Protein backbone atom coordinates (compact mmCIF):
# COMPACT_ATOMS: atom_id res chain seq x y z
CA UNK A 1 96.61 72.59 65.34
CA UNK A 2 95.93 76.04 65.53
CA UNK A 3 96.19 77.84 68.64
CA UNK A 4 93.29 79.29 70.60
CA UNK A 5 93.01 82.67 72.27
CA UNK A 6 90.52 81.38 74.80
CA UNK A 7 88.90 84.72 74.67
CA UNK A 8 85.32 85.60 72.80
CA UNK A 9 84.33 85.30 68.95
CA UNK A 10 85.97 87.98 66.73
CA UNK A 11 83.51 91.22 66.27
CA UNK A 12 84.17 94.41 64.58
CA UNK A 13 86.09 96.98 66.05
CA UNK A 14 83.56 100.07 65.78
CA UNK A 15 81.26 102.00 68.12
CA UNK A 16 78.35 99.98 67.92
CA UNK A 17 79.89 96.56 68.91
CA UNK A 18 81.87 98.06 71.73
CA UNK A 19 78.68 99.29 73.50
CA UNK A 20 76.55 96.40 72.83
CA UNK A 21 78.97 93.65 73.62
CA UNK A 22 81.52 95.34 76.15
CA UNK A 23 79.74 98.33 77.85
CA UNK A 24 76.38 96.60 78.43
CA UNK A 25 77.44 92.92 78.95
CA UNK A 26 76.34 91.26 82.10
CA UNK A 27 79.42 89.71 82.46
CA UNK A 28 81.22 92.67 83.25
CA UNK A 29 84.66 93.15 85.35
CA UNK A 30 87.32 95.25 85.84
CA UNK A 31 90.07 92.80 84.92
CA UNK A 32 90.07 91.83 81.04
CA UNK A 33 92.05 90.75 78.26
CA UNK A 34 91.80 91.75 74.67
CA UNK A 35 93.26 90.63 71.08
CA UNK A 36 93.07 93.11 68.44
CA UNK A 37 93.88 92.29 64.58
CA UNK A 38 92.27 91.76 61.64
CA UNK A 39 88.88 89.24 60.60
CA UNK A 40 88.40 88.03 57.29
CA UNK A 41 86.46 84.50 56.12
CA UNK A 42 88.45 81.45 55.48
CA UNK A 43 87.15 79.25 52.66
CA UNK A 44 84.70 77.65 54.79
CA UNK A 45 82.70 80.66 55.53
CA UNK A 46 84.21 80.71 59.10
CA UNK A 47 85.32 84.07 60.69
CA UNK A 48 89.50 84.32 61.11
CA UNK A 49 91.29 86.13 63.51
CA UNK A 50 94.78 87.47 62.97
CA UNK A 51 95.99 88.43 66.33
CA UNK A 52 98.56 91.48 66.01
CA UNK A 53 98.10 92.76 69.79
CA UNK A 54 97.24 91.49 73.29
CA UNK A 55 96.98 93.55 76.18
CA UNK A 56 95.15 93.52 79.84
CA UNK A 57 92.99 96.54 81.37
CA UNK A 58 91.88 96.96 84.85
CA UNK A 59 89.26 99.25 84.38
CA UNK A 60 87.21 100.61 81.52
CA UNK A 61 87.40 98.01 79.00
CA UNK A 62 85.13 99.73 76.66
CA UNK A 63 87.22 103.26 76.54
CA UNK A 64 90.17 101.55 76.16
CA UNK A 65 89.17 99.91 72.57
CA UNK A 66 87.93 103.09 71.50
CA UNK A 67 91.34 104.08 71.17
CA UNK A 68 92.01 101.59 68.88
CA UNK A 69 89.04 102.11 66.59
CA UNK A 70 89.74 102.93 62.91
CA UNK A 71 93.48 101.05 63.86
CA UNK A 72 92.52 97.72 64.02
CA UNK A 73 89.26 96.24 62.15
CA UNK A 74 88.51 93.31 65.00
CA UNK A 75 88.81 92.53 68.60
CA UNK A 76 88.23 89.52 70.80
CA UNK A 77 88.05 90.07 74.71
CA UNK A 78 87.18 88.06 78.05
CA UNK A 79 86.40 89.18 81.43
CA UNK A 80 88.24 87.62 84.35
CA UNK A 81 87.89 87.82 87.90
CA UNK A 82 91.01 88.93 88.96
CA UNK A 83 93.84 90.88 87.83
CA UNK A 84 96.27 88.05 88.24
CA UNK A 85 94.36 85.57 86.32
CA UNK A 86 94.32 88.34 83.43
CA UNK A 87 97.71 89.31 83.19
CA UNK A 88 98.32 85.67 83.49
CA UNK A 89 95.86 84.95 80.05
CA UNK A 90 97.41 87.94 78.25
CA UNK A 91 101.21 86.48 78.69
CA UNK A 92 99.73 82.95 77.30
CA UNK A 93 98.57 84.57 74.62
CA UNK A 94 101.60 87.05 74.04
CA UNK A 95 103.75 83.85 73.88
CA UNK A 96 101.48 81.44 71.60
CA UNK A 97 101.05 83.99 68.81
CA UNK A 98 103.76 86.76 69.43
CA UNK A 99 101.62 89.69 68.32
CA UNK A 100 103.83 91.94 65.75
CA UNK A 101 102.56 95.22 67.35
CA UNK A 102 103.33 94.05 71.08
CA UNK A 103 106.81 95.91 71.45
CA UNK A 104 107.55 93.43 74.49
CA UNK A 105 106.48 91.01 76.80
CA UNK A 106 103.26 92.38 78.45
CA UNK A 107 104.31 94.35 81.73
CA UNK A 108 102.68 93.24 85.33
CA UNK A 109 99.88 95.41 86.60
CA UNK A 110 101.13 98.19 88.65
CA UNK A 111 101.64 97.30 92.29
CA UNK A 112 101.49 93.96 92.00
CA UNK A 113 104.24 90.85 92.08
CA UNK A 114 102.79 88.74 88.93
CA UNK A 115 105.24 86.32 87.22
CA UNK A 116 104.65 85.35 83.58
CA UNK A 117 102.95 81.81 83.97
CA UNK A 118 105.53 80.53 81.09
CA UNK A 119 108.40 78.95 83.26
CA UNK A 120 110.98 79.19 80.16
CA UNK A 121 109.96 83.18 80.06
CA UNK A 122 112.36 85.62 81.68
CA UNK A 123 109.81 87.30 82.81
CA UNK A 124 108.42 84.26 84.71
CA UNK A 125 109.55 82.82 88.24
């Protein structure tokens, strides 16, 4: 069974998509998680996404995504109602996909005492 990020559909990483889907989203929240990677069509015609990097943002997601335009071809994202939920989801994706461009385990947001929700992880509690 294929792992699922639990994030939105794969989208091209470009200015138009960031404006339309992120900056102007009706569900906008300051806490978000995104994955970056490549998009291709599978033999069944459905889009396939290869996770290369996972991150969370507490603030302007659109601005952060713009830093990666031209580096990655696609992204997926989701807004969360809390920073803790976003961080926990980022950790879960990190452990499920082991993205090659993450240099290590995601760091807890500044000024928090959050732990990784994966109990076997050294960053967990």
